Amino acid sequence: MPESPVFIDQFELGLMENFIYFVGDAKTREVMVVDPAWEVDTILKRAKAKDLKIRGVLVSHYHMDHTNGIEELLRTEDVPVYVHKSDVPYLGLKSANIRPVESAYEVKCGNIIIQAIHTPGHTPGSQCFRVRDNLVSGDTLFINACGRCDLPGGNAEDMYFSLTKRLGSLPDSTVLYPGHNYADVPKSTLGNERKQNPYLLCGSLQTFLELRVG
């Protein structure tokens, strides 16, 4: 039986140029919302217009510009919210829907498996979401940049190892979907980033630390 096609819908909302994502099964139209924030009414209207069924929330990290829509969304959609356990203390959200998760867990949405990759550095519980040959990277990896490490819970050494070890094994063909619209294009590939992203071109931790001043 052929695999269900992956559905990824990327759209920008908010003052900080956040990318919000629907990720799931193109056949069953079941999706997870990645980082619901800013304009929940727009998120819900977009889901309805595209005939999507929201089955859960994936949180890349706790920062408010990625999470400020969760409570409002839960008033309409009674779904689980998957947050890495290391970020739960920072989230400031008490709800029975919160699911603190360990590293390297998987979520099934329709017939699509979404794999979480724990990538601390921007925050202790930062995580990226791999869906076959696609990676939704939150604020861990941007196009030509990476996330800041000088905010509460950030750690530049952790970021270096997240980029080089945890994401280092993914193939060059992996399509990169970042957490913010900070570049001239909305997506890239890991192959392109390995050729042009200064934070992926560092040959050592020391070089990375000298470059990653934030």
Protein backbone atom coordinates (compact mmCIF):
# COMPACT_ATOMS: atom_id res chain seq x y z
CA MET A 1 0.00 0.00 0.00
CA PRO A 2 1.47 3.40 -0.95
CA GLU A 3 2.35 5.81 1.84
CA SER A 4 0.02 8.68 2.59
CA PRO A 5 1.44 11.95 1.24
CA VAL A 6 2.74 14.45 3.77
CA PHE A 7 0.86 17.72 4.15
CA ILE A 8 2.83 20.82 5.22
CA ASP A 9 1.26 24.27 5.21
CA GLN A 10 3.53 27.18 6.13
CA PHE A 11 2.13 30.64 6.85
CA GLU A 12 3.36 33.79 8.59
CA LEU A 13 1.62 35.49 11.51
CA GLY A 14 2.49 38.08 14.14
CA LEU A 15 4.81 40.97 14.84
CA MET A 16 7.92 38.78 14.89
CA GLU A 17 7.39 37.17 11.47
CA ASN A 18 6.60 33.77 12.95
CA PHE A 19 5.94 30.82 10.70
CA ILE A 20 3.00 28.67 11.84
CA TYR A 21 2.66 25.17 10.40
CA PHE A 22 0.03 22.54 9.77
CA VAL A 23 1.80 19.18 9.44
CA GLY A 24 0.09 15.89 8.83
CA ASP A 25 -1.63 13.56 6.41
CA ALA A 26 -2.66 15.00 3.06
CA LYS A 27 -5.08 12.12 2.47
CA THR A 28 -6.99 12.08 5.77
CA ARG A 29 -6.54 15.88 6.27
CA GLU A 30 -5.51 15.27 9.90
CA VAL A 31 -2.83 17.72 11.07
CA MET A 32 -0.82 18.93 14.02
CA VAL A 33 -0.37 22.67 14.55
CA VAL A 34 3.24 23.64 15.17
CA ASP A 35 3.68 26.70 17.43
CA PRO A 36 0.19 28.27 17.38
CA ALA A 37 0.55 31.96 18.17
CA TRP A 38 -0.71 35.49 17.55
CA GLU A 39 -3.91 35.11 15.49
CA VAL A 40 -5.74 31.97 16.53
CA ASP A 41 -8.85 32.98 14.60
CA THR A 42 -6.75 33.03 11.43
CA ILE A 43 -5.32 29.59 12.25
CA LEU A 44 -8.81 28.14 12.76
CA LYS A 45 -10.23 29.80 9.65
CA ARG A 46 -7.33 28.51 7.57
CA ALA A 47 -7.85 24.98 8.88
CA LYS A 48 -11.54 25.13 8.00
CA ALA A 49 -10.88 26.56 4.54
CA LYS A 50 -8.42 23.75 3.81
CA ASP A 51 -10.71 21.06 5.31
CA LEU A 52 -8.16 20.16 7.99
CA LYS A 53 -8.81 18.32 11.23
CA ILE A 54 -6.56 19.54 14.06
CA ARG A 55 -5.39 16.56 16.13
CA GLY A 56 -2.81 18.20 18.37
CA VAL A 57 -0.20 20.87 18.98
CA LEU A 58 3.57 20.53 18.69
CA VAL A 59 5.61 23.14 20.58
CA SER A 60 9.14 23.78 19.31
CA HIS A 61 10.03 25.77 22.45
CA TYR A 62 8.41 27.78 25.22
CA HIS A 63 8.93 31.39 24.03
CA MET A 64 5.73 33.42 23.97
CA ASP A 65 5.91 34.27 20.28
CA HIS A 66 5.53 30.54 19.58
CA THR A 67 3.00 29.69 22.30
CA ASN A 68 0.75 32.70 22.99
CA GLY A 69 -2.15 31.15 21.07
CA ILE A 70 -2.27 27.78 22.82
CA GLU A 71 -4.86 28.65 25.47
CA GLU A 72 -7.22 30.24 22.94
CA LEU A 73 -6.81 27.33 20.54
CA LEU A 74 -7.67 24.84 23.30
CA ARG A 75 -10.97 26.61 23.91
CA THR A 76 -12.01 25.43 20.44
CA GLU A 77 -9.89 22.32 19.92
CA ASP A 78 -9.60 19.85 22.84
CA VAL A 79 -6.32 18.30 21.72
CA PRO A 80 -3.00 17.27 23.31
CA VAL A 81 -0.14 19.78 23.42
CA TYR A 82 3.27 18.15 23.19
CA VAL A 83 6.04 20.10 24.97
CA HIS A 84 9.49 18.78 25.82
CA LYS A 85 9.65 18.23 29.56
CA SER A 86 12.66 20.57 29.92
CA ASP A 87 10.58 23.51 28.65
CA VAL A 88 7.42 22.81 30.66
CA PRO A 89 8.63 24.76 33.75
CA TYR A 90 9.18 27.85 31.59
CA LEU A 91 5.88 27.61 29.73
CA GLY A 92 3.67 29.05 32.46
CA LEU A 93 0.63 27.23 31.15
CA LYS A 94 -1.40 24.91 33.35
CA SER A 95 -3.69 22.66 31.37
CA ALA A 96 -4.65 19.01 31.40
CA ASN A 97 -3.90 19.04 27.68
CA ILE A 98 -0.16 19.57 28.21
CA ARG A 99 1.85 16.43 27.50
CA PRO A 100 5.44 16.68 28.81
CA VAL A 101 7.50 14.48 26.52
CA GLU A 102 10.93 12.90 26.54
CA SER A 103 13.51 13.19 23.79
CA ALA A 104 13.07 11.30 20.50
CA TYR A 105 9.34 10.61 20.76
CA GLU A 106 6.99 10.10 17.83
CA VAL A 107 3.46 11.33 17.18
CA LYS A 108 1.14 9.72 14.66
CA CYS A 109 -1.17 12.03 12.75
CA GLY A 110 -3.42 10.22 10.35
CA ASN A 111 -1.00 7.77 8.77
CA ILE A 112 1.99 10.11 9.08
CA ILE A 113 4.67 9.67 11.73
CA ILE A 114 6.20 12.90 13.06
CA GLN A 115 9.52 12.41 14.83
CA ALA A 116 10.68 14.90 17.45
CA ILE A 117 14.40 15.65 17.75
CA HIS A 118 15.50 17.27 21.02
CA THR A 119 17.79 20.18 20.07
CA PRO A 120 18.64 22.20 23.20
CA GLY A 121 20.52 25.46 22.85
CA HIS A 122 17.92 28.14 22.18
CA THR A 123 15.99 26.75 25.17
CA PRO A 124 16.55 23.59 27.26
CA GLY A 125 13.61 21.83 25.62
CA SER A 126 13.87 23.10 22.06
CA GLN A 127 12.84 20.48 19.56
CA CYS A 128 12.62 20.06 15.80
CA PHE A 129 10.05 17.93 14.01
CA ARG A 130 11.04 15.57 11.22
CA VAL A 131 8.43 14.35 8.77
CA ARG A 132 10.12 12.05 6.27
CA ASP A 133 12.41 14.35 4.25
CA ASN A 134 11.18 17.55 5.91
CA LEU A 135 12.35 19.30 9.10
CA VAL A 136 10.36 21.98 10.96
CA SER A 137 13.16 23.52 12.98
CA GLY A 138 11.57 26.14 15.26
CA ASP A 139 14.27 28.54 16.46
CA THR A 140 17.06 25.98 16.42
CA LEU A 141 18.11 26.43 12.80
CA PHE A 142 17.23 29.30 10.50
CA ILE A 143 18.19 29.96 6.91
CA ASN A 144 21.78 31.28 7.17
CA ALA A 145 21.52 31.56 10.96
CA CYS A 146 20.65 29.76 14.19
CA GLY A 147 18.70 30.69 17.29
CA ARG A 148 19.94 32.99 20.03
CA CYS A 149 21.54 31.38 23.05
CA ASP A 150 21.60 34.33 25.48
CA LEU A 151 17.98 34.15 26.66
CA PRO A 152 16.87 32.29 29.83
CA GLY A 153 17.69 28.61 29.44
CA GLY A 154 19.86 29.17 26.37
CA ASN A 155 23.25 27.54 26.02
CA ALA A 156 25.63 28.07 23.09
CA GLU A 157 27.55 24.84 23.67
CA ASP A 158 24.31 22.86 23.62
CA MET A 159 23.34 24.63 20.41
CA TYR A 160 26.59 23.64 18.73
CA PHE A 161 26.07 19.98 19.53
CA SER A 162 22.41 20.13 18.51
CA LEU A 163 23.39 21.49 15.10
CA THR A 164 26.38 19.24 14.52
CA LYS A 165 25.31 16.00 16.20
CA ARG A 166 21.53 15.86 16.53
CA LEU A 167 20.85 17.37 13.11
CA GLY A 168 24.18 16.38 11.61
CA SER A 169 23.03 12.92 10.57
CA LEU A 170 20.08 14.14 8.51
CA PRO A 171 20.56 14.00 4.73
CA ASP A 172 21.35 17.05 2.62
CA SER A 173 18.05 16.63 0.78
CA THR A 174 16.06 17.37 3.96
CA VAL A 175 13.81 20.40 3.37
CA LEU A 176 14.21 22.99 6.13
CA TYR A 177 11.18 24.90 7.42
CA PRO A 178 12.33 27.51 10.00
CA GLY A 179 10.40 29.17 12.82
CA HIS A 180 10.65 32.71 11.46
CA ASN A 181 10.61 34.43 8.10
CA TYR A 182 14.08 35.92 8.46
CA ALA A 183 15.45 35.24 4.97
CA ASP A 184 14.71 36.02 1.34
CA VAL A 185 13.15 32.59 0.89
CA PRO A 186 10.77 30.73 3.25
CA LYS A 187 12.53 27.37 3.17
CA SER A 188 15.88 25.80 2.30
CA THR A 189 17.59 22.42 2.46
CA LEU A 190 20.13 21.13 4.93
CA GLY A 191 22.50 20.69 2.00
CA ASN A 192 22.27 24.38 1.14
CA GLU A 193 22.67 25.37 4.77
CA ARG A 194 25.78 23.22 5.15
CA LYS A 195 27.32 25.15 2.26
CA GLN A 196 26.31 28.68 3.26
CA ASN A 197 25.19 28.92 6.90
CA PRO A 198 28.10 30.32 8.93
CA TYR A 199 26.96 28.45 12.06
CA LEU A 200 27.14 25.13 10.23
CA LEU A 201 30.54 25.95 8.75
CA CYS A 202 32.27 26.22 12.11
CA GLY A 203 34.89 23.52 12.36
CA SER A 204 35.02 23.48 16.15
CA LEU A 205 33.11 24.39 19.26
CA GLN A 206 35.53 27.24 19.95
CA THR A 207 34.92 28.77 16.52
CA PHE A 208 31.18 28.47 17.04
CA LEU A 209 31.36 30.14 20.45
CA GLU A 210 33.36 33.02 19.00
CA LEU A 211 30.79 33.48 16.24
CA ARG A 212 27.68 32.87 18.34
CA VAL A 213 27.98 36.03 20.47
CA GLY A 214 24.24 36.00 21.26
